[in-house]
Amino acid sequence: FDTLLHERTGGYMDTLDQLICQTAQQAIEDGTEAITEEGLNDMV
C-alpha cells in the first residue's frame, strides 16, 4: 500500500502514524484484525 499511503498522507510521518494507528484500532473493533485497503480508505 506504499503508493496509497503516500497519497493519503502527503508524505507526512505524523499523518502516516495517525492513519496506520486509526486503521489498526478499527481493525480490532470490527474483528478483521488486519490492515486492508478498504480500511485505510475509510479513515479520515
ModelCIF file with pLDDT and N, C-alpha, C, O atoms, coordinates in Angstrom:
data_MODEL
#
_entry.id   MODEL 
#
_entity.id                         1 
_entity.type                       polymer 
_entity.pdbx_number_of_molecules   1 
#
_entity_poly.entity_id                      1 
_entity_poly.type                           'polypeptide(L)' 
_entity_poly.nstd_linkage                   no 
_entity_poly.nstd_monomer                   no 
_entity_poly.pdbx_seq_one_letter_code       FDTLLHERTGGYMDTLDQLICQTAQQAIEDGTEAITEEGLNDMV 
_entity_poly.pdbx_seq_one_letter_code_can   FDTLLHERTGGYMDTLDQLICQTAQQAIEDGTEAITEEGLNDMV 
_entity_poly.pdbx_strand_id                 A 
#
loop_
_entity_poly_seq.entity_id 
_entity_poly_seq.num 
_entity_poly_seq.mon_id 
_entity_poly_seq.hetero 
1 1  PHE n 
1 2  ASP n 
1 3  THR n 
1 4  LEU n 
1 5  LEU n 
1 6  HIS n 
1 7  GLU n 
1 8  ARG n 
1 9  THR n 
1 10 GLY n 
1 11 GLY n 
1 12 TYR n 
1 13 MET n 
1 14 ASP n 
1 15 THR n 
1 16 LEU n 
1 17 ASP n 
1 18 GLN n 
1 19 LEU n 
1 20 ILE n 
1 21 CYS n 
1 22 GLN n 
1 23 THR n 
1 24 ALA n 
1 25 GLN n 
1 26 GLN n 
1 27 ALA n 
1 28 ILE n 
1 29 GLU n 
1 30 ASP n 
1 31 GLY n 
1 32 THR n 
1 33 GLU n 
1 34 ALA n 
1 35 ILE n 
1 36 THR n 
1 37 GLU n 
1 38 GLU n 
1 39 GLY n 
1 40 LEU n 
1 41 ASN n 
1 42 ASP n 
1 43 MET n 
1 44 VAL n 
#
_struct_asym.id          A 
_struct_asym.entity_id   1 
#
loop_
_ma_qa_metric.id 
_ma_qa_metric.mode 
_ma_qa_metric.name 
_ma_qa_metric.software_group_id 
_ma_qa_metric.type 
1 global pLDDT . pLDDT 
2 local  pLDDT . pLDDT 
#
_ma_qa_metric_global.metric_id      1 
_ma_qa_metric_global.metric_value   94.32 
_ma_qa_metric_global.model_id       1 
_ma_qa_metric_global.ordinal_id     1 
#
loop_
_ma_qa_metric_local.label_asym_id 
_ma_qa_metric_local.label_comp_id 
_ma_qa_metric_local.label_seq_id 
_ma_qa_metric_local.metric_id 
_ma_qa_metric_local.metric_value 
_ma_qa_metric_local.model_id 
_ma_qa_metric_local.ordinal_id 
A PHE 1  2 95.00 1 1  
A ASP 2  2 94.00 1 2  
A THR 3  2 95.00 1 3  
A LEU 4  2 95.00 1 4  
A LEU 5  2 95.00 1 5  
A HIS 6  2 95.00 1 6  
A GLU 7  2 94.00 1 7  
A ARG 8  2 93.00 1 8  
A THR 9  2 93.00 1 9  
A GLY 10 2 93.00 1 10 
A GLY 11 2 91.00 1 11 
A TYR 12 2 94.00 1 12 
A MET 13 2 94.00 1 13 
A ASP 14 2 94.00 1 14 
A THR 15 2 95.00 1 15 
A LEU 16 2 94.00 1 16 
A ASP 17 2 94.00 1 17 
A GLN 18 2 95.00 1 18 
A LEU 19 2 96.00 1 19 
A ILE 20 2 95.00 1 20 
A CYS 21 2 94.00 1 21 
A GLN 22 2 95.00 1 22 
A THR 23 2 95.00 1 23 
A ALA 24 2 95.00 1 24 
A GLN 25 2 96.00 1 25 
A GLN 26 2 96.00 1 26 
A ALA 27 2 95.00 1 27 
A ILE 28 2 95.00 1 28 
A GLU 29 2 96.00 1 29 
A ASP 30 2 95.00 1 30 
A GLY 31 2 94.00 1 31 
A THR 32 2 94.00 1 32 
A GLU 33 2 95.00 1 33 
A ALA 34 2 94.00 1 34 
A ILE 35 2 93.00 1 35 
A THR 36 2 93.00 1 36 
A GLU 37 2 94.00 1 37 
A GLU 38 2 95.00 1 38 
A GLY 39 2 95.00 1 39 
A LEU 40 2 95.00 1 40 
A ASN 41 2 95.00 1 41 
A ASP 42 2 93.00 1 42 
A MET 43 2 93.00 1 43 
A VAL 44 2 91.00 1 44 
#
loop_
_atom_site.group_PDB 
_atom_site.id 
_atom_site.type_symbol 
_atom_site.label_atom_id 
_atom_site.label_alt_id 
_atom_site.label_comp_id 
_atom_site.label_asym_id 
_atom_site.label_entity_id 
_atom_site.label_seq_id 
_atom_site.pdbx_PDB_ins_code 
_atom_site.Cartn_x 
_atom_site.Cartn_y 
_atom_site.Cartn_z 
_atom_site.occupancy 
_atom_site.B_iso_or_equiv 
_atom_site.pdbx_formal_charge 
_atom_site.auth_seq_id 
_atom_site.auth_comp_id 
_atom_site.auth_asym_id 
_atom_site.auth_atom_id 
_atom_site.pdbx_PDB_model_num 
ATOM 1   N N  . PHE A 1 1  ? 0.821   -1.211 0.000  1.00 95.00 ? 1  PHE A N  1 
ATOM 2   C CA . PHE A 1 1  ? 0.000   0.000  0.000  1.00 95.00 ? 1  PHE A CA 1 
ATOM 3   C C  . PHE A 1 1  ? 0.859   1.268  0.000  1.00 95.00 ? 1  PHE A C  1 
ATOM 4   O O  . PHE A 1 1  ? 0.365   2.340  0.348  1.00 95.00 ? 1  PHE A O  1 
ATOM 5   N N  . ASP A 1 2  ? 2.128   1.164  -0.381 1.00 94.00 ? 2  ASP A N  1 
ATOM 6   C CA . ASP A 1 2  ? 3.038   2.305  -0.279 1.00 94.00 ? 2  ASP A CA 1 
ATOM 7   C C  . ASP A 1 2  ? 2.546   3.529  -1.041 1.00 94.00 ? 2  ASP A C  1 
ATOM 8   O O  . ASP A 1 2  ? 2.606   4.639  -0.512 1.00 94.00 ? 2  ASP A O  1 
ATOM 9   N N  . THR A 1 3  ? 2.066   3.358  -2.264 1.00 95.00 ? 3  THR A N  1 
ATOM 10  C CA . THR A 1 3  ? 1.589   4.490  -3.053 1.00 95.00 ? 3  THR A CA 1 
ATOM 11  C C  . THR A 1 3  ? 0.335   5.093  -2.436 1.00 95.00 ? 3  THR A C  1 
ATOM 12  O O  . THR A 1 3  ? 0.216   6.313  -2.322 1.00 95.00 ? 3  THR A O  1 
ATOM 13  N N  . LEU A 1 4  ? -0.595  4.238  -2.040 1.00 95.00 ? 4  LEU A N  1 
ATOM 14  C CA . LEU A 1 4  ? -1.826  4.700  -1.392 1.00 95.00 ? 4  LEU A CA 1 
ATOM 15  C C  . LEU A 1 4  ? -1.494  5.481  -0.115 1.00 95.00 ? 4  LEU A C  1 
ATOM 16  O O  . LEU A 1 4  ? -2.036  6.563  0.112  1.00 95.00 ? 4  LEU A O  1 
ATOM 17  N N  . LEU A 1 5  ? -0.619  4.940  0.702  1.00 95.00 ? 5  LEU A N  1 
ATOM 18  C CA . LEU A 1 5  ? -0.260  5.595  1.958  1.00 95.00 ? 5  LEU A CA 1 
ATOM 19  C C  . LEU A 1 5  ? 0.404   6.943  1.703  1.00 95.00 ? 5  LEU A C  1 
ATOM 20  O O  . LEU A 1 5  ? 0.126   7.915  2.406  1.00 95.00 ? 5  LEU A O  1 
ATOM 21  N N  . HIS A 1 6  ? 1.270   7.006  0.715  1.00 95.00 ? 6  HIS A N  1 
ATOM 22  C CA . HIS A 1 6  ? 1.931   8.281  0.419  1.00 95.00 ? 6  HIS A CA 1 
ATOM 23  C C  . HIS A 1 6  ? 0.922   9.314  -0.077 1.00 95.00 ? 6  HIS A C  1 
ATOM 24  O O  . HIS A 1 6  ? 0.981   10.480 0.314  1.00 95.00 ? 6  HIS A O  1 
ATOM 25  N N  . GLU A 1 7  ? 0.005   8.891  -0.930 1.00 94.00 ? 7  GLU A N  1 
ATOM 26  C CA . GLU A 1 7  ? -1.030  9.807  -1.431 1.00 94.00 ? 7  GLU A CA 1 
ATOM 27  C C  . GLU A 1 7  ? -1.944  10.282 -0.314 1.00 94.00 ? 7  GLU A C  1 
ATOM 28  O O  . GLU A 1 7  ? -2.292  11.461 -0.252 1.00 94.00 ? 7  GLU A O  1 
ATOM 29  N N  . ARG A 1 8  ? -2.336  9.368  0.570  1.00 93.00 ? 8  ARG A N  1 
ATOM 30  C CA . ARG A 1 8  ? -3.258  9.721  1.658  1.00 93.00 ? 8  ARG A CA 1 
ATOM 31  C C  . ARG A 1 8  ? -2.624  10.632 2.690  1.00 93.00 ? 8  ARG A C  1 
ATOM 32  O O  . ARG A 1 8  ? -3.311  11.445 3.308  1.00 93.00 ? 8  ARG A O  1 
ATOM 33  N N  . THR A 1 9  ? -1.298  10.502 2.885  1.00 93.00 ? 9  THR A N  1 
ATOM 34  C CA . THR A 1 9  ? -0.637  11.251 3.955  1.00 93.00 ? 9  THR A CA 1 
ATOM 35  C C  . THR A 1 9  ? 0.160   12.443 3.456  1.00 93.00 ? 9  THR A C  1 
ATOM 36  O O  . THR A 1 9  ? 0.635   13.248 4.257  1.00 93.00 ? 9  THR A O  1 
ATOM 37  N N  . GLY A 1 10 ? 0.312   12.565 2.159  1.00 93.00 ? 10 GLY A N  1 
ATOM 38  C CA . GLY A 1 10 ? 1.131   13.642 1.611  1.00 93.00 ? 10 GLY A CA 1 
ATOM 39  C C  . GLY A 1 10 ? 2.594   13.501 1.979  1.00 93.00 ? 10 GLY A C  1 
ATOM 40  O O  . GLY A 1 10 ? 3.360   14.457 1.862  1.00 93.00 ? 10 GLY A O  1 
ATOM 41  N N  . GLY A 1 11 ? 2.988   12.319 2.423  1.00 91.00 ? 11 GLY A N  1 
ATOM 42  C CA . GLY A 1 11 ? 4.375   12.077 2.805  1.00 91.00 ? 11 GLY A CA 1 
ATOM 43  C C  . GLY A 1 11 ? 4.721   12.494 4.220  1.00 91.00 ? 11 GLY A C  1 
ATOM 44  O O  . GLY A 1 11 ? 5.883   12.409 4.616  1.00 91.00 ? 11 GLY A O  1 
ATOM 45  N N  . TYR A 1 12 ? 3.739   12.944 4.996  1.00 94.00 ? 12 TYR A N  1 
ATOM 46  C CA . TYR A 1 12 ? 3.982   13.378 6.376  1.00 94.00 ? 12 TYR A CA 1 
ATOM 47  C C  . TYR A 1 12 ? 3.958   12.190 7.331  1.00 94.00 ? 12 TYR A C  1 
ATOM 48  O O  . TYR A 1 12 ? 3.000   11.417 7.355  1.00 94.00 ? 12 TYR A O  1 
ATOM 49  N N  . MET A 1 13 ? 5.031   12.053 8.120  1.00 94.00 ? 13 MET A N  1 
ATOM 50  C CA . MET A 1 13 ? 5.157   10.928 9.046  1.00 94.00 ? 13 MET A CA 1 
ATOM 51  C C  . MET A 1 13 ? 4.076   10.942 10.121 1.00 94.00 ? 13 MET A C  1 
ATOM 52  O O  . MET A 1 13 ? 3.541   9.887  10.464 1.00 94.00 ? 13 MET A O  1 
ATOM 53  N N  . ASP A 1 14 ? 3.744   12.114 10.660 1.00 94.00 ? 14 ASP A N  1 
ATOM 54  C CA . ASP A 1 14 ? 2.737   12.159 11.716 1.00 94.00 ? 14 ASP A CA 1 
ATOM 55  C C  . ASP A 1 14 ? 1.374   11.718 11.177 1.00 94.00 ? 14 ASP A C  1 
ATOM 56  O O  . ASP A 1 14 ? 0.603   11.074 11.889 1.00 94.00 ? 14 ASP A O  1 
ATOM 57  N N  . THR A 1 15 ? 1.079   12.062 9.929  1.00 95.00 ? 15 THR A N  1 
ATOM 58  C CA . THR A 1 15 ? -0.187  11.647 9.329  1.00 95.00 ? 15 THR A CA 1 
ATOM 59  C C  . THR A 1 15 ? -0.169  10.154 9.031  1.00 95.00 ? 15 THR A C  1 
ATOM 60  O O  . THR A 1 15 ? -1.186  9.479  9.188  1.00 95.00 ? 15 THR A O  1 
ATOM 61  N N  . LEU A 1 16 ? 0.979   9.631  8.601  1.00 94.00 ? 16 LEU A N  1 
ATOM 62  C CA . LEU A 1 16 ? 1.119   8.186  8.369  1.00 94.00 ? 16 LEU A CA 1 
ATOM 63  C C  . LEU A 1 16 ? 0.876   7.414  9.664  1.00 94.00 ? 16 LEU A C  1 
ATOM 64  O O  . LEU A 1 16 ? 0.147   6.423  9.682  1.00 94.00 ? 16 LEU A O  1 
ATOM 65  N N  . ASP A 1 17 ? 1.498   7.882  10.741 1.00 94.00 ? 17 ASP A N  1 
ATOM 66  C CA . ASP A 1 17 ? 1.317   7.250  12.041 1.00 94.00 ? 17 ASP A CA 1 
ATOM 67  C C  . ASP A 1 17 ? -0.155  7.262  12.452 1.00 94.00 ? 17 ASP A C  1 
ATOM 68  O O  . ASP A 1 17 ? -0.685  6.255  12.922 1.00 94.00 ? 17 ASP A O  1 
ATOM 69  N N  . GLN A 1 18 ? -0.803  8.400  12.273 1.00 95.00 ? 18 GLN A N  1 
ATOM 70  C CA . GLN A 1 18 ? -2.221  8.522  12.616 1.00 95.00 ? 18 GLN A CA 1 
ATOM 71  C C  . GLN A 1 18 ? -3.066  7.563  11.777 1.00 95.00 ? 18 GLN A C  1 
ATOM 72  O O  . GLN A 1 18 ? -3.940  6.881  12.312 1.00 95.00 ? 18 GLN A O  1 
ATOM 73  N N  . LEU A 1 19 ? -2.815  7.506  10.480 1.00 96.00 ? 19 LEU A N  1 
ATOM 74  C CA . LEU A 1 19 ? -3.587  6.648  9.595  1.00 96.00 ? 19 LEU A CA 1 
ATOM 75  C C  . LEU A 1 19 ? -3.429  5.173  9.944  1.00 96.00 ? 19 LEU A C  1 
ATOM 76  O O  . LEU A 1 19 ? -4.417  4.441  10.005 1.00 96.00 ? 19 LEU A O  1 
ATOM 77  N N  . ILE A 1 20 ? -2.211  4.738  10.169 1.00 95.00 ? 20 ILE A N  1 
ATOM 78  C CA . ILE A 1 20 ? -1.981  3.330  10.497 1.00 95.00 ? 20 ILE A CA 1 
ATOM 79  C C  . ILE A 1 20 ? -2.578  2.985  11.853 1.00 95.00 ? 20 ILE A C  1 
ATOM 80  O O  . ILE A 1 20 ? -3.218  1.945  12.004 1.00 95.00 ? 20 ILE A O  1 
ATOM 81  N N  . CYS A 1 21 ? -2.375  3.846  12.834 1.00 94.00 ? 21 CYS A N  1 
ATOM 82  C CA . CYS A 1 21 ? -2.914  3.574  14.181 1.00 94.00 ? 21 CYS A CA 1 
ATOM 83  C C  . CYS A 1 21 ? -4.444  3.543  14.191 1.00 94.00 ? 21 CYS A C  1 
ATOM 84  O O  . CYS A 1 21 ? -5.044  2.655  14.796 1.00 94.00 ? 21 CYS A O  1 
ATOM 85  N N  . GLN A 1 22 ? -5.068  4.504  13.527 1.00 95.00 ? 22 GLN A N  1 
ATOM 86  C CA . GLN A 1 22 ? -6.537  4.530  13.493 1.00 95.00 ? 22 GLN A CA 1 
ATOM 87  C C  . GLN A 1 22 ? -7.092  3.326  12.737 1.00 95.00 ? 22 GLN A C  1 
ATOM 88  O O  . GLN A 1 22 ? -8.103  2.750  13.139 1.00 95.00 ? 22 GLN A O  1 
ATOM 89  N N  . THR A 1 23 ? -6.434  2.947  11.645 1.00 95.00 ? 23 THR A N  1 
ATOM 90  C CA . THR A 1 23 ? -6.895  1.791  10.879 1.00 95.00 ? 23 THR A CA 1 
ATOM 91  C C  . THR A 1 23 ? -6.719  0.510  11.686 1.00 95.00 ? 23 THR A C  1 
ATOM 92  O O  . THR A 1 23 ? -7.578  -0.371 11.643 1.00 95.00 ? 23 THR A O  1 
ATOM 93  N N  . ALA A 1 24 ? -5.623  0.399  12.413 1.00 95.00 ? 24 ALA A N  1 
ATOM 94  C CA . ALA A 1 24 ? -5.405  -0.775 13.269 1.00 95.00 ? 24 ALA A CA 1 
ATOM 95  C C  . ALA A 1 24 ? -6.455  -0.843 14.378 1.00 95.00 ? 24 ALA A C  1 
ATOM 96  O O  . ALA A 1 24 ? -6.967  -1.922 14.677 1.00 95.00 ? 24 ALA A O  1 
ATOM 97  N N  . GLN A 1 25 ? -6.778  0.287  14.984 1.00 96.00 ? 25 GLN A N  1 
ATOM 98  C CA . GLN A 1 25 ? -7.804  0.305  16.028 1.00 96.00 ? 25 GLN A CA 1 
ATOM 99  C C  . GLN A 1 25 ? -9.155  -0.131 15.463 1.00 96.00 ? 25 GLN A C  1 
ATOM 100 O O  . GLN A 1 25 ? -9.882  -0.897 16.095 1.00 96.00 ? 25 GLN A O  1 
ATOM 101 N N  . GLN A 1 26 ? -9.483  0.358  14.280 1.00 96.00 ? 26 GLN A N  1 
ATOM 102 C CA . GLN A 1 26 ? -10.746 -0.034 13.646 1.00 96.00 ? 26 GLN A CA 1 
ATOM 103 C C  . GLN A 1 26 ? -10.746 -1.521 13.311 1.00 96.00 ? 26 GLN A C  1 
ATOM 104 O O  . GLN A 1 26 ? -11.770 -2.190 13.450 1.00 96.00 ? 26 GLN A O  1 
ATOM 105 N N  . ALA A 1 27 ? -9.608  -2.037 12.874 1.00 95.00 ? 27 ALA A N  1 
ATOM 106 C CA . ALA A 1 27 ? -9.499  -3.462 12.547 1.00 95.00 ? 27 ALA A CA 1 
ATOM 107 C C  . ALA A 1 27 ? -9.731  -4.335 13.784 1.00 95.00 ? 27 ALA A C  1 
ATOM 108 O O  . ALA A 1 27 ? -10.299 -5.422 13.684 1.00 95.00 ? 27 ALA A O  1 
ATOM 109 N N  . ILE A 1 28 ? -9.294  -3.859 14.931 1.00 95.00 ? 28 ILE A N  1 
ATOM 110 C CA . ILE A 1 28 ? -9.538  -4.582 16.180 1.00 95.00 ? 28 ILE A CA 1 
ATOM 111 C C  . ILE A 1 28 ? -11.020 -4.528 16.527 1.00 95.00 ? 28 ILE A C  1 
ATOM 112 O O  . ILE A 1 28 ? -11.618 -5.541 16.891 1.00 95.00 ? 28 ILE A O  1 
ATOM 113 N N  . GLU A 1 29 ? -11.604 -3.342 16.414 1.00 96.00 ? 29 GLU A N  1 
ATOM 114 C CA . GLU A 1 29 ? -13.021 -3.176 16.759 1.00 96.00 ? 29 GLU A CA 1 
ATOM 115 C C  . GLU A 1 29 ? -13.954 -3.967 15.853 1.00 96.00 ? 29 GLU A C  1 
ATOM 116 O O  . GLU A 1 29 ? -14.944 -4.532 16.319 1.00 96.00 ? 29 GLU A O  1 
ATOM 117 N N  . ASP A 1 30 ? -13.642 -4.010 14.556 1.00 95.00 ? 30 ASP A N  1 
ATOM 118 C CA . ASP A 1 30 ? -14.556 -4.720 13.644 1.00 95.00 ? 30 ASP A CA 1 
ATOM 119 C C  . ASP A 1 30 ? -14.211 -6.196 13.474 1.00 95.00 ? 30 ASP A C  1 
ATOM 120 O O  . ASP A 1 30 ? -14.917 -6.924 12.775 1.00 95.00 ? 30 ASP A O  1 
ATOM 121 N N  . GLY A 1 31 ? -13.127 -6.640 14.110 1.00 94.00 ? 31 GLY A N  1 
ATOM 122 C CA . GLY A 1 31 ? -12.785 -8.058 14.111 1.00 94.00 ? 31 GLY A CA 1 
ATOM 123 C C  . GLY A 1 31 ? -11.969 -8.540 12.923 1.00 94.00 ? 31 GLY A C  1 
ATOM 124 O O  . GLY A 1 31 ? -11.648 -9.726 12.848 1.00 94.00 ? 31 GLY A O  1 
ATOM 125 N N  . THR A 1 32 ? -11.621 -7.652 11.985 1.00 94.00 ? 32 THR A N  1 
ATOM 126 C CA . THR A 1 32 ? -10.810 -8.099 10.852 1.00 94.00 ? 32 THR A CA 1 
ATOM 127 C C  . THR A 1 32 ? -9.379  -8.377 11.270 1.00 94.00 ? 32 THR A C  1 
ATOM 128 O O  . THR A 1 32 ? -8.720  -9.250 10.704 1.00 94.00 ? 32 THR A O  1 
ATOM 129 N N  . GLU A 1 33 ? -8.897  -7.636 12.260 1.00 95.00 ? 33 GLU A N  1 
ATOM 130 C CA . GLU A 1 33 ? -7.549  -7.820 12.800 1.00 95.00 ? 33 GLU A CA 1 
ATOM 131 C C  . GLU A 1 33 ? -6.469  -7.773 11.720 1.00 95.00 ? 33 GLU A C  1 
ATOM 132 O O  . GLU A 1 33 ? -5.466  -8.481 11.811 1.00 95.00 ? 33 GLU A O  1 
ATOM 133 N N  . ALA A 1 34 ? -6.674  -6.940 10.698 1.00 94.00 ? 34 ALA A N  1 
ATOM 134 C CA . ALA A 1 34 ? -5.681  -6.752 9.641  1.00 94.00 ? 34 ALA A CA 1 
ATOM 135 C C  . ALA A 1 34 ? -5.901  -5.391 8.994  1.00 94.00 ? 34 ALA A C  1 
ATOM 136 O O  . ALA A 1 34 ? -7.025  -4.893 8.942  1.00 94.00 ? 34 ALA A O  1 
ATOM 137 N N  . ILE A 1 35 ? -4.831  -4.802 8.506  1.00 93.00 ? 35 ILE A N  1 
ATOM 138 C CA . ILE A 1 35 ? -4.923  -3.547 7.757  1.00 93.00 ? 35 ILE A CA 1 
ATOM 139 C C  . ILE A 1 35 ? -5.298  -3.897 6.322  1.00 93.00 ? 35 ILE A C  1 
ATOM 140 O O  . ILE A 1 35 ? -4.626  -4.699 5.674  1.00 93.00 ? 35 ILE A O  1 
ATOM 141 N N  . THR A 1 36 ? -6.368  -3.294 5.834  1.00 93.00 ? 36 THR A N  1 
ATOM 142 C CA . THR A 1 36 ? -6.813  -3.544 4.465  1.00 93.00 ? 36 THR A CA 1 
ATOM 143 C C  . THR A 1 36 ? -6.867  -2.220 3.704  1.00 93.00 ? 36 THR A C  1 
ATOM 144 O O  . THR A 1 36 ? -6.876  -1.143 4.301  1.00 93.00 ? 36 THR A O  1 
ATOM 145 N N  . GLU A 1 37 ? -6.904  -2.322 2.390  1.00 94.00 ? 37 GLU A N  1 
ATOM 146 C CA . GLU A 1 37 ? -7.020  -1.111 1.566  1.00 94.00 ? 37 GLU A CA 1 
ATOM 147 C C  . GLU A 1 37 ? -8.326  -0.393 1.878  1.00 94.00 ? 37 GLU A C  1 
ATOM 148 O O  . GLU A 1 37 ? -8.362  0.834  1.979  1.00 94.00 ? 37 GLU A O  1 
ATOM 149 N N  . GLU A 1 38 ? -9.394  -1.160 2.030  1.00 95.00 ? 38 GLU A N  1 
ATOM 150 C CA . GLU A 1 38 ? -10.691 -0.565 2.369  1.00 95.00 ? 38 GLU A CA 1 
ATOM 151 C C  . GLU A 1 38 ? -10.621 0.164  3.705  1.00 95.00 ? 38 GLU A C  1 
ATOM 152 O O  . GLU A 1 38 ? -11.132 1.275  3.845  1.00 95.00 ? 38 GLU A O  1 
ATOM 153 N N  . GLY A 1 39 ? -9.984  -0.470 4.684  1.00 95.00 ? 39 GLY A N  1 
ATOM 154 C CA . GLY A 1 39 ? -9.846  0.153  5.988  1.00 95.00 ? 39 GLY A CA 1 
ATOM 155 C C  . GLY A 1 39 ? -9.054  1.446  5.931  1.00 95.00 ? 39 GLY A C  1 
ATOM 156 O O  . GLY A 1 39 ? -9.418  2.428  6.576  1.00 95.00 ? 39 GLY A O  1 
ATOM 157 N N  . LEU A 1 40 ? -7.974  1.452  5.162  1.00 95.00 ? 40 LEU A N  1 
ATOM 158 C CA . LEU A 1 40 ? -7.171  2.665  5.003  1.00 95.00 ? 40 LEU A CA 1 
ATOM 159 C C  . LEU A 1 40 ? -7.974  3.767  4.331  1.00 95.00 ? 40 LEU A C  1 
ATOM 160 O O  . LEU A 1 40 ? -7.893  4.930  4.727  1.00 95.00 ? 40 LEU A O  1 
ATOM 161 N N  . ASN A 1 41 ? -8.746  3.406  3.317  1.00 95.00 ? 41 ASN A N  1 
ATOM 162 C CA . ASN A 1 41 ? -9.528  4.404  2.587  1.00 95.00 ? 41 ASN A CA 1 
ATOM 163 C C  . ASN A 1 41 ? -10.684 4.953  3.406  1.00 95.00 ? 41 ASN A C  1 
ATOM 164 O O  . ASN A 1 41 ? -11.148 6.062  3.141  1.00 95.00 ? 41 ASN A O  1 
ATOM 165 N N  . ASP A 1 42 ? -11.159 4.208  4.388  1.00 93.00 ? 42 ASP A N  1 
ATOM 166 C CA . ASP A 1 42 ? -12.275 4.647  5.215  1.00 93.00 ? 42 ASP A CA 1 
ATOM 167 C C  . ASP A 1 42 ? -11.875 5.657  6.286  1.00 93.00 ? 42 ASP A C  1 
ATOM 168 O O  . ASP A 1 42 ? -12.729 6.365  6.821  1.00 93.00 ? 42 ASP A O  1 
ATOM 169 N N  . MET A 1 43 ? -10.582 5.728  6.601  1.00 93.00 ? 43 MET A N  1 
ATOM 170 C CA . MET A 1 43 ? -10.110 6.632  7.652  1.00 93.00 ? 43 MET A CA 1 
ATOM 171 C C  . MET A 1 43 ? -9.974  8.051  7.147  1.00 93.00 ? 43 MET A C  1 
ATOM 172 O O  . MET A 1 43 ? -9.539  8.292  6.021  1.00 93.00 ? 43 MET A O  1 
ATOM 173 N N  . VAL A 1 44 ? -10.356 8.990  8.003  1.00 91.00 ? 44 VAL A N  1 
ATOM 174 C CA . VAL A 1 44 ? -10.188 10.411 7.713  1.00 91.00 ? 44 VAL A CA 1 
ATOM 175 C C  . VAL A 1 44 ? -8.973  10.883 8.497  1.00 91.00 ? 44 VAL A C  1 
ATOM 176 O O  . VAL A 1 44 ? -8.611  12.058 8.426  1.00 91.00 ? 44 VAL A O  1 
#
